[in-house]
Amino acid sequence: MVPGIDLAQPLNLGVITNQRSYWSTHFYSVLECLRYHNTLQWPGRKLFDLGKVNWSLEDLRSVAPPNFFQLIDANMRNWGMQYFFATFLNRYEAEPIVQAMINKLAELWSCPFGTTEYSFYISGRDSDLGRQVALQFDEIFPKKVLLDEPNQKKIIDFSDLCMILKSKEHFDELGNQKRLGLFGEVEGNKGEELFQTGYWSGKSNYCVFAFGVVNETGSGAYINTKLVGQVNRVLVTLQTEHSVVKDFRTVLWWMAHLFMYGRLAQLPPNIDEELGFFLNFIKNRFNKDIVELISELGEFVHADDVIQSKPGPTTIITKINA
């Protein structure tokens, strides 16, 4: 393992060719976080405790405080970005970022991956979706970090994202390509903390990459390699004015508006066409089972916008979340 090089390099997104497909990724991720992240103050486990296994946005609005979305805004900015990256990084617009990260990981760990297929999944014990990730890989990469033996359950439980790589350099004894599981963190509010040793205390040494939103002026995205918490890690940071960060937070603001005023919420006549389309789409389905609503949002993602190597893990999530 070579020492990390603390030099930031700028990253660019690919061209967004389908705006409806792109915006659906944001709404999809926000609703996924609401439905599947079980440590949110609202809804958390409250609806389940009330006997509502299947619930709608109207159900949530009827039992939560009127300003509940403002109460969870900071958490949605943070944990919601975990869901956003797990969907967005599977899109072709994000391919330059992902390929740069894969190249840096190969350098840091002196391990060529060759031509790879990749896909991203939610991990972590705080998400119901994290239970699925163990089925998606054959072997954790790196095989060993420092003196730690890889404890699969612990690594999955204490991470936010899993990137699956199918590398032409890694085969099992039967000659089949191994599916390597690489784990990482997401910090949606204070991405600058990724560079601090204290952030990584209690985090898994097998989290070898991270994505963060940094509170600084600018609209750029950058990639660093850094020895932090005794482990060489690849850190990708986005400034708060970066387009995908701004768009995600815009969706959060409008979702708070919908929950405040419900299905009768008024939208301004000059609202962005695609943003207005999805807000009206959700308003018209406020009584629909949220799992079905998430699935319907996923249908707006065009097949040409998504890396094709990854099957969906359930019948619910088939399009933009691997």
Protein backbone atom coordinates (compact mmCIF):
# COMPACT_ATOMS: atom_id res chain seq x y z
CA MET A 1 0.00 0.00 0.00
CA VAL A 2 1.51 3.31 -1.05
CA PRO A 3 1.19 6.49 1.02
CA GLY A 4 -1.79 8.71 0.26
CA ILE A 5 -1.14 11.88 -1.74
CA ASP A 6 -3.11 14.82 -0.39
CA LEU A 7 -3.58 16.65 -3.69
CA ALA A 8 -7.06 17.63 -4.83
CA GLN A 9 -7.92 17.03 -8.45
CA PRO A 10 -11.08 18.49 -10.04
CA LEU A 11 -13.79 16.19 -11.34
CA ASN A 12 -16.46 16.81 -13.94
CA LEU A 13 -19.82 15.16 -14.49
CA GLY A 14 -20.82 13.68 -17.79
CA VAL A 15 -23.49 15.45 -19.83
CA ILE A 16 -27.05 15.15 -18.50
CA THR A 17 -29.04 14.28 -21.60
CA ASN A 18 -32.43 13.47 -20.07
CA GLN A 19 -33.68 15.98 -17.50
CA ARG A 20 -36.74 13.96 -16.45
CA SER A 21 -34.61 10.89 -15.85
CA TYR A 22 -32.12 13.00 -13.89
CA TRP A 23 -34.70 14.70 -11.63
CA SER A 24 -36.44 11.40 -10.90
CA THR A 25 -33.18 10.28 -9.27
CA HIS A 26 -33.49 13.05 -6.69
CA PHE A 27 -37.13 12.42 -5.82
CA TYR A 28 -36.56 8.67 -5.78
CA SER A 29 -33.69 9.06 -3.30
CA VAL A 30 -35.62 11.36 -0.97
CA LEU A 31 -38.58 8.98 -0.76
CA GLU A 32 -36.27 5.98 -0.34
CA CYS A 33 -34.66 7.68 2.64
CA LEU A 34 -38.08 8.40 4.16
CA ARG A 35 -39.21 4.81 3.69
CA TYR A 36 -36.10 2.77 4.42
CA HIS A 37 -33.90 4.77 6.80
CA ASN A 38 -35.02 3.56 10.20
CA THR A 39 -33.31 6.13 12.47
CA LEU A 40 -35.14 9.21 11.19
CA GLN A 41 -37.16 10.99 13.87
CA TRP A 42 -40.09 10.91 11.41
CA PRO A 43 -41.25 8.55 10.12
CA GLY A 44 -38.69 6.24 11.73
CA ARG A 45 -40.53 3.24 13.15
CA LYS A 46 -43.53 5.28 14.30
CA LEU A 47 -45.93 4.28 11.53
CA PHE A 48 -45.01 0.63 11.93
CA ASP A 49 -45.69 0.94 15.66
CA LEU A 50 -49.12 2.37 14.77
CA GLY A 51 -49.87 -0.75 12.74
CA LYS A 52 -49.17 0.77 9.32
CA VAL A 53 -46.73 -1.56 7.60
CA ASN A 54 -47.67 -0.06 4.24
CA TRP A 55 -48.17 3.69 4.40
CA SER A 56 -48.59 6.71 2.18
CA LEU A 57 -47.28 10.26 2.37
CA GLU A 58 -50.77 11.28 3.51
CA ASP A 59 -50.56 8.73 6.34
CA LEU A 60 -47.25 10.22 7.40
CA ARG A 61 -48.55 13.78 7.23
CA SER A 62 -51.59 12.87 9.32
CA VAL A 63 -49.58 11.60 12.30
CA ALA A 64 -46.40 13.71 12.16
CA PRO A 65 -46.13 17.28 13.50
CA PRO A 66 -46.94 19.97 10.90
CA ASN A 67 -43.29 21.02 10.68
CA PHE A 68 -41.82 17.53 10.90
CA PHE A 69 -39.90 17.80 7.61
CA GLN A 70 -38.09 20.89 8.87
CA LEU A 71 -37.20 18.92 12.02
CA ILE A 72 -35.53 16.20 9.94
CA ASP A 73 -34.05 18.52 7.28
CA ALA A 74 -30.45 18.21 8.53
CA ASN A 75 -30.77 14.42 8.67
CA MET A 76 -32.31 14.30 5.21
CA ARG A 77 -29.43 16.39 3.86
CA ASN A 78 -27.03 13.91 5.41
CA TRP A 79 -28.65 10.49 5.20
CA GLY A 80 -30.58 11.43 2.09
CA MET A 81 -27.29 12.00 0.27
CA GLN A 82 -26.38 8.39 1.08
CA TYR A 83 -29.43 7.27 -0.90
CA PHE A 84 -28.75 9.82 -3.61
CA PHE A 85 -25.19 8.64 -4.20
CA ALA A 86 -26.33 5.00 -4.18
CA THR A 87 -28.58 5.85 -7.13
CA PHE A 88 -26.74 8.64 -8.91
CA LEU A 89 -23.36 6.88 -9.03
CA ASN A 90 -24.99 4.15 -11.11
CA ARG A 91 -25.81 6.70 -13.82
CA TYR A 92 -23.63 7.51 -16.81
CA GLU A 93 -23.35 11.17 -15.78
CA ALA A 94 -21.38 10.01 -12.73
CA GLU A 95 -19.08 7.64 -14.62
CA PRO A 96 -16.11 10.09 -14.74
CA ILE A 97 -16.23 10.38 -10.95
CA VAL A 98 -16.52 6.65 -10.38
CA GLN A 99 -13.73 5.77 -12.82
CA ALA A 100 -11.42 8.32 -11.19
CA MET A 101 -12.17 6.77 -7.79
CA ILE A 102 -11.53 3.24 -9.05
CA ASN A 103 -8.20 4.35 -10.53
CA LYS A 104 -7.16 5.99 -7.25
CA LEU A 105 -8.10 2.89 -5.26
CA ALA A 106 -6.03 0.74 -7.61
CA GLU A 107 -3.04 3.06 -7.04
CA LEU A 108 -3.44 3.20 -3.27
CA TRP A 109 -3.73 -0.54 -2.85
CA SER A 110 -1.25 -1.46 -5.60
CA CYS A 111 -3.91 -3.65 -7.15
CA PRO A 112 -4.89 -3.29 -10.81
CA PHE A 113 -8.57 -3.85 -11.46
CA GLY A 114 -8.35 -3.89 -15.23
CA THR A 115 -11.60 -3.34 -17.09
CA THR A 116 -14.35 -3.38 -14.49
CA GLU A 117 -18.09 -3.42 -14.16
CA TYR A 118 -19.40 -1.62 -11.10
CA SER A 119 -22.57 -0.92 -9.18
CA PHE A 120 -23.45 0.88 -5.95
CA TYR A 121 -25.68 -0.24 -3.10
CA ILE A 122 -26.84 1.11 0.24
CA SER A 123 -25.14 -0.51 3.21
CA GLY A 124 -25.37 0.11 6.94
CA ARG A 125 -27.55 -1.21 9.73
CA ASP A 126 -29.55 2.05 9.84
CA SER A 127 -31.18 1.26 6.49
CA ASP A 128 -33.54 -1.58 5.69
CA LEU A 129 -31.85 -1.71 2.27
CA GLY A 130 -28.50 -2.50 3.90
CA ARG A 131 -29.64 -6.06 4.56
CA GLN A 132 -29.41 -6.87 0.86
CA VAL A 133 -25.81 -5.96 0.18
CA ALA A 134 -24.19 -9.16 1.49
CA LEU A 135 -25.79 -11.06 -1.38
CA GLN A 136 -24.11 -8.90 -4.00
CA PHE A 137 -20.39 -9.68 -3.51
CA ASP A 138 -18.10 -12.68 -3.17
CA GLU A 139 -15.17 -11.11 -1.35
CA ILE A 140 -14.43 -7.91 0.54
CA PHE A 141 -11.65 -5.71 -0.83
CA PRO A 142 -9.04 -5.11 0.50
CA LYS A 143 -8.56 -8.59 1.92
CA LYS A 144 -6.88 -7.20 5.03
CA VAL A 145 -6.44 -3.68 6.41
CA LEU A 146 -3.81 -3.08 9.11
CA LEU A 147 -4.21 -5.88 11.67
CA ASP A 148 -7.99 -6.14 11.26
CA GLU A 149 -9.49 -9.37 10.03
CA PRO A 150 -12.49 -8.61 7.79
CA ASN A 151 -15.69 -9.12 9.77
CA GLN A 152 -18.33 -9.00 7.04
CA LYS A 153 -21.32 -8.14 9.23
CA LYS A 154 -19.45 -5.41 11.08
CA ILE A 155 -18.15 -3.89 7.86
CA ILE A 156 -21.62 -3.81 6.31
CA ASP A 157 -23.27 -2.51 9.49
CA PHE A 158 -20.81 0.36 9.93
CA SER A 159 -20.61 1.74 6.41
CA ASP A 160 -22.89 3.76 4.13
CA LEU A 161 -22.16 2.58 0.59
CA CYS A 162 -20.94 -0.56 -1.08
CA MET A 163 -19.37 -0.50 -4.53
CA ILE A 164 -19.35 -3.87 -6.28
CA LEU A 165 -16.54 -4.37 -8.79
CA LYS A 166 -16.31 -7.20 -11.27
CA SER A 167 -12.67 -7.07 -12.28
CA LYS A 168 -10.94 -8.93 -15.09
CA GLU A 169 -7.97 -9.23 -12.75
CA HIS A 170 -9.76 -11.21 -10.03
CA PHE A 171 -11.10 -14.76 -10.51
CA ASP A 172 -12.13 -17.63 -8.26
CA GLU A 173 -10.76 -21.18 -8.50
CA LEU A 174 -13.31 -22.02 -11.22
CA GLY A 175 -12.25 -19.10 -13.39
CA ASN A 176 -15.31 -16.96 -12.66
CA GLN A 177 -14.91 -13.24 -12.13
CA LYS A 178 -15.10 -12.35 -8.45
CA ARG A 179 -17.49 -9.69 -7.30
CA LEU A 180 -15.45 -7.48 -4.99
CA GLY A 181 -17.20 -5.45 -2.31
CA LEU A 182 -15.59 -2.10 -1.47
CA PHE A 183 -17.11 -0.02 1.30
CA GLY A 184 -17.36 3.70 1.95
CA GLU A 185 -18.89 6.55 3.91
CA VAL A 186 -21.12 9.51 3.04
CA GLU A 187 -21.20 12.85 4.84
CA GLY A 188 -23.91 15.09 3.42
CA ASN A 189 -23.54 18.04 5.78
CA LYS A 190 -19.93 18.36 6.92
CA GLY A 191 -17.79 16.72 4.27
CA GLU A 192 -14.72 18.58 5.51
CA GLU A 193 -14.74 16.22 8.52
CA LEU A 194 -13.72 13.36 6.22
CA PHE A 195 -10.19 14.76 6.34
CA GLN A 196 -10.04 14.63 10.14
CA THR A 197 -8.81 11.63 12.10
CA GLY A 198 -11.58 12.05 14.66
CA TYR A 199 -14.27 11.41 12.04
CA TRP A 200 -12.86 7.95 11.36
CA SER A 201 -12.60 6.83 14.98
CA GLY A 202 -15.22 4.14 15.31
CA LYS A 203 -15.54 3.80 11.53
CA SER A 204 -14.51 0.61 9.79
CA ASN A 205 -10.94 0.42 8.54
CA TYR A 206 -12.45 -1.26 5.49
CA CYS A 207 -14.20 1.96 4.47
CA VAL A 208 -11.65 2.93 1.84
CA PHE A 209 -13.60 5.68 0.06
CA ALA A 210 -15.98 8.46 1.02
CA PHE A 211 -18.24 11.10 -0.52
CA GLY A 212 -18.90 14.38 1.22
CA VAL A 213 -20.52 17.78 0.76
CA VAL A 214 -18.16 20.49 2.01
CA ASN A 215 -19.35 23.84 3.36
CA GLU A 216 -17.29 26.11 1.18
CA THR A 217 -17.96 28.54 -1.62
CA GLY A 218 -17.86 27.04 -5.07
CA SER A 219 -19.54 24.59 -7.39
CA GLY A 220 -16.76 22.08 -7.94
CA ALA A 221 -16.13 18.40 -7.22
CA TYR A 222 -12.71 17.10 -6.21
CA ILE A 223 -10.94 13.85 -5.51
CA ASN A 224 -8.20 13.38 -2.92
CA THR A 225 -6.20 10.47 -1.59
CA LYS A 226 -5.32 10.82 2.05
CA LEU A 227 -3.89 8.75 4.88
CA VAL A 228 -6.51 9.38 7.56
CA GLY A 229 -7.40 7.21 10.51
CA GLN A 230 -4.29 5.10 9.68
CA VAL A 231 -5.86 3.99 6.39
CA ASN A 232 -5.32 5.31 2.87
CA ARG A 233 -8.70 6.42 1.58
CA VAL A 234 -10.09 8.04 -1.55
CA LEU A 235 -12.18 11.10 -0.72
CA VAL A 236 -14.58 12.72 -3.19
CA THR A 237 -15.97 16.09 -2.11
CA LEU A 238 -18.60 18.36 -3.65
CA GLN A 239 -18.98 22.02 -2.79
CA THR A 240 -22.41 23.22 -1.68
CA GLU A 241 -23.11 25.00 -4.97
CA HIS A 242 -22.40 21.91 -7.03
CA SER A 243 -25.39 21.29 -9.28
CA VAL A 244 -26.39 17.90 -7.89
CA VAL A 245 -26.15 19.13 -4.29
CA LYS A 246 -28.23 22.23 -5.05
CA ASP A 247 -30.82 20.16 -6.91
CA PHE A 248 -31.09 17.63 -4.10
CA ARG A 249 -31.58 20.34 -1.50
CA THR A 250 -34.13 22.05 -3.75
CA VAL A 251 -36.14 18.82 -3.81
CA LEU A 252 -35.94 18.64 -0.01
CA TRP A 253 -37.30 22.20 0.25
CA TRP A 254 -40.24 21.42 -2.01
CA MET A 255 -40.99 18.16 -0.22
CA ALA A 256 -41.21 20.15 3.03
CA HIS A 257 -43.65 22.46 1.20
CA LEU A 258 -45.79 19.51 0.13
CA PHE A 259 -45.92 18.07 3.62
CA MET A 260 -46.84 21.47 5.08
CA TYR A 261 -49.75 22.10 2.66
CA GLY A 262 -50.61 18.58 1.46
CA ARG A 263 -52.20 17.71 -1.84
CA LEU A 264 -53.58 21.24 -2.19
CA ALA A 265 -50.12 22.81 -2.10
CA GLN A 266 -49.79 25.51 -4.75
CA LEU A 267 -46.78 25.64 -7.07
CA PRO A 268 -45.60 28.90 -8.68
CA PRO A 269 -46.30 29.23 -12.43
CA ASN A 270 -42.62 29.78 -13.22
CA ILE A 271 -41.34 26.62 -11.49
CA ASP A 272 -38.86 24.50 -13.44
CA GLU A 273 -40.79 22.20 -15.77
CA GLU A 274 -39.31 18.92 -14.55
CA LEU A 275 -39.40 19.92 -10.90
CA GLY A 276 -43.04 20.87 -11.26
CA PHE A 277 -43.81 17.65 -13.11
CA PHE A 278 -42.58 15.47 -10.25
CA LEU A 279 -44.14 17.60 -7.51
CA ASN A 280 -47.51 17.30 -9.23
CA PHE A 281 -46.89 13.60 -9.81
CA ILE A 282 -46.36 13.10 -6.08
CA LYS A 283 -49.28 15.38 -5.09
CA ASN A 284 -51.60 13.25 -7.22
CA ARG A 285 -50.35 10.11 -5.45
CA PHE A 286 -50.24 11.38 -1.89
CA ASN A 287 -52.49 8.49 -0.79
CA LYS A 288 -50.50 5.83 -2.65
CA ASP A 289 -48.39 3.22 -0.85
CA ILE A 290 -44.94 4.82 -0.70
CA VAL A 291 -43.22 1.64 -1.91
CA GLU A 292 -45.38 1.66 -5.03
CA LEU A 293 -44.72 5.38 -5.45
CA ILE A 294 -40.96 4.82 -5.28
CA SER A 295 -41.27 2.12 -7.90
CA GLU A 296 -43.28 4.42 -10.18
CA LEU A 297 -40.64 7.15 -9.85
CA GLY A 298 -38.00 4.63 -10.85
CA GLU A 299 -39.82 4.06 -14.12
CA PHE A 300 -38.90 7.56 -15.25
CA VAL A 301 -35.23 6.63 -15.43
CA HIS A 302 -34.39 5.86 -19.03
CA ALA A 303 -32.41 2.67 -19.58
CA ASP A 304 -29.81 4.58 -21.61
CA ASP A 305 -28.93 6.67 -18.53
CA VAL A 306 -27.95 3.78 -16.26
CA ILE A 307 -24.88 1.56 -16.20
CA GLN A 308 -26.25 -1.74 -17.47
CA SER A 309 -24.14 -4.23 -15.52
CA LYS A 310 -26.28 -4.36 -12.40
CA PRO A 311 -29.51 -6.24 -11.75
CA GLY A 312 -31.98 -4.93 -9.22
CA PRO A 313 -32.01 -6.78 -5.87
CA THR A 314 -35.78 -6.73 -5.47
CA THR A 315 -38.88 -6.34 -7.55
CA ILE A 316 -39.27 -2.92 -5.97
CA ILE A 317 -35.93 -1.42 -6.95
CA THR A 318 -35.17 -2.25 -10.53
CA LYS A 319 -34.01 0.89 -12.26
CA ILE A 320 -31.74 3.40 -10.60
CA ASN A 321 -30.65 1.70 -7.42
CA ALA A 322 -28.66 -1.46 -8.03
